[in-house]
Protein backbone atom coordinates (compact mmCIF):
# COMPACT_ATOMS: atom_id res chain seq x y z
CA UNK A 1 0.00 0.00 0.00
CA UNK A 2 1.35 3.42 -0.97
CA UNK A 3 2.26 5.91 1.71
CA UNK A 4 0.74 9.40 1.35
CA UNK A 5 2.86 12.52 1.86
CA UNK A 6 2.28 16.23 1.30
CA UNK A 7 4.48 18.40 -0.89
CA UNK A 8 3.70 21.79 0.63
CA UNK A 9 6.37 23.56 -1.44
CA UNK A 10 4.74 22.76 -4.81
CA UNK A 11 2.36 25.74 -4.73
CA UNK A 12 5.17 28.12 -3.71
CA UNK A 13 7.39 26.87 -6.55
CA UNK A 14 4.50 27.31 -8.97
CA UNK A 15 3.89 30.89 -7.80
CA UNK A 16 7.60 31.71 -8.17
CA UNK A 17 7.63 30.40 -11.74
CA UNK A 18 4.52 32.44 -12.50
CA UNK A 19 6.29 35.59 -11.27
CA UNK A 20 9.20 34.92 -13.64
CA UNK A 21 6.98 35.59 -16.66
CA UNK A 22 4.36 37.80 -15.04
CA UNK A 23 6.72 40.64 -14.09
CA UNK A 24 8.26 41.03 -17.59
CA UNK A 25 4.75 40.72 -19.04
CA UNK A 26 3.50 43.55 -16.84
CA UNK A 27 6.49 45.70 -17.80
CA UNK A 28 5.76 45.10 -21.49
CA UNK A 29 2.10 45.91 -20.95
CA UNK A 30 3.08 49.18 -19.27
CA UNK A 31 5.27 50.07 -22.25
CA UNK A 32 2.47 49.19 -24.68
CA UNK A 33 0.14 51.47 -22.72
CA UNK A 34 2.73 54.27 -22.80
CA UNK A 35 3.39 54.05 -26.54
CA UNK A 36 -0.21 53.29 -27.63
CA UNK A 37 -0.91 56.89 -28.70
CA UNK A 38 2.08 56.99 -31.08
CA UNK A 39 2.79 53.44 -32.33
CA UNK A 40 6.31 52.93 -33.54
CA UNK A 41 8.88 50.13 -33.40
CA UNK A 42 8.97 50.11 -29.58
CA UNK A 43 5.20 49.66 -29.49
CA UNK A 44 5.30 46.57 -31.69
CA UNK A 45 8.31 45.10 -29.88
CA UNK A 46 6.56 45.46 -26.53
CA UNK A 47 3.35 43.89 -27.89
CA UNK A 48 5.46 40.97 -29.09
CA UNK A 49 7.14 40.77 -25.66
CA UNK A 50 3.79 40.87 -23.86
CA UNK A 51 2.28 38.14 -26.05
CA UNK A 52 5.46 36.06 -25.68
CA UNK A 53 5.15 36.26 -21.88
CA UNK A 54 1.55 35.04 -22.13
CA UNK A 55 2.55 32.08 -24.31
CA UNK A 56 5.52 31.21 -22.10
CA UNK A 57 3.25 31.35 -19.06
CA UNK A 58 0.68 29.08 -20.65
CA UNK A 59 3.40 26.59 -21.59
CA UNK A 60 4.98 26.63 -18.10
CA UNK A 61 1.60 26.19 -16.42
CA UNK A 62 0.63 23.34 -18.73
CA UNK A 63 3.89 21.51 -18.01
CA UNK A 64 3.71 22.13 -14.26
CA UNK A 65 0.07 21.07 -14.02
CA UNK A 66 0.37 17.88 -16.04
CA UNK A 67 3.60 16.50 -14.64
CA UNK A 68 5.27 16.23 -11.28
CA UNK A 69 8.78 15.32 -10.15
CA UNK A 70 8.96 13.06 -7.09
CA UNK A 71 10.79 14.94 -4.31
CA UNK A 72 12.11 11.63 -2.93
CA UNK A 73 13.68 9.96 -5.98
CA UNK A 74 13.35 12.59 -8.74
CA UNK A 75 11.28 10.38 -11.06
CA UNK A 76 8.96 12.31 -13.37
CA UNK A 77 5.29 11.42 -12.92
CA UNK A 78 3.32 12.18 -16.06
CA UNK A 79 -0.16 12.69 -14.66
CA UNK A 80 -2.07 12.74 -11.40
CA UNK A 81 -4.25 9.95 -10.11
CA UNK A 82 -7.70 10.60 -11.56
CA UNK A 83 -10.23 8.42 -9.81
CA UNK A 84 -13.42 10.32 -10.60
CA UNK A 85 -11.88 13.57 -9.40
CA UNK A 86 -14.44 16.23 -8.66
CA UNK A 87 -14.23 19.87 -7.66
CA UNK A 88 -12.52 20.18 -4.28
CA UNK A 89 -10.75 16.81 -4.45
CA UNK A 90 -7.00 16.87 -3.82
CA UNK A 91 -4.61 16.45 -6.73
CA UNK A 92 -2.38 13.47 -6.01
CA UNK A 93 0.55 12.03 -7.96
CA UNK A 94 1.70 8.44 -7.42
CA UNK A 95 5.40 7.62 -7.61
CA UNK A 96 5.67 3.97 -8.64
CA UNK A 97 9.36 3.73 -7.69
CA UNK A 98 8.93 4.99 -4.09
CA UNK A 99 5.31 3.87 -3.69
CA UNK A 100 4.42 7.29 -2.32
CA UNK A 101 1.27 9.23 -3.14
CA UNK A 102 2.22 12.92 -3.26
CA UNK A 103 -0.55 15.34 -2.35
CA UNK A 104 0.53 18.68 -3.83
CA UNK A 105 -1.83 20.59 -1.50
CA UNK A 106 -3.95 21.91 -4.38
CA UNK A 107 -7.49 20.91 -5.16
CA UNK A 108 -9.11 20.29 -8.52
CA UNK A 109 -10.76 23.70 -8.41
CA UNK A 110 -7.50 25.54 -7.63
CA UNK A 111 -5.59 23.84 -10.40
CA UNK A 112 -8.04 22.73 -13.06
CA UNK A 113 -6.57 22.44 -16.52
CA UNK A 114 -8.56 20.48 -19.08
CA UNK A 115 -6.52 17.41 -19.93
CA UNK A 116 -7.14 15.19 -22.90
CA UNK A 117 -8.93 12.12 -21.55
CA UNK A 118 -7.50 8.68 -22.22
CA UNK A 119 -9.30 6.51 -24.77
CA UNK A 120 -10.62 4.24 -22.01
CA UNK A 121 -12.13 7.27 -20.24
CA UNK A 122 -13.70 8.47 -23.48
CA UNK A 123 -15.37 5.08 -23.91
CA UNK A 124 -16.68 5.31 -20.33
CA UNK A 125 -18.02 8.82 -21.00
CA UNK A 126 -19.76 7.63 -24.17
CA UNK A 127 -21.38 4.76 -22.28
CA UNK A 128 -22.62 7.14 -19.56
CA UNK A 129 -24.16 9.48 -22.12
CA UNK A 130 -25.93 6.64 -23.96
């Protein structure tokens, strides 16, 4: 039987990574706002910078929300355990090597990113609808 542990630092690490692209994005947005009346090269460069920060942020959040690195052994865990997870349920990753269930101290509502369901889940969904 797997032992359950909490990774209380996951949310803090996620917030730090979000700041790494949020602060430059806000600076670019401020420059866009400043140069909006007289668009020139700086205006377009800052728009590109702002949109780049948005795309980088989306990519980082997607990677961080769909994978987890075991703090014990460092093994990458591709996806959380999804046993009929509903709003408010904890998000838990299972490390097969350590046999530890890692609760990242976030709930499905705090961290909901639509993931592509597996084919077996799609079949189950189709059967429920029918």
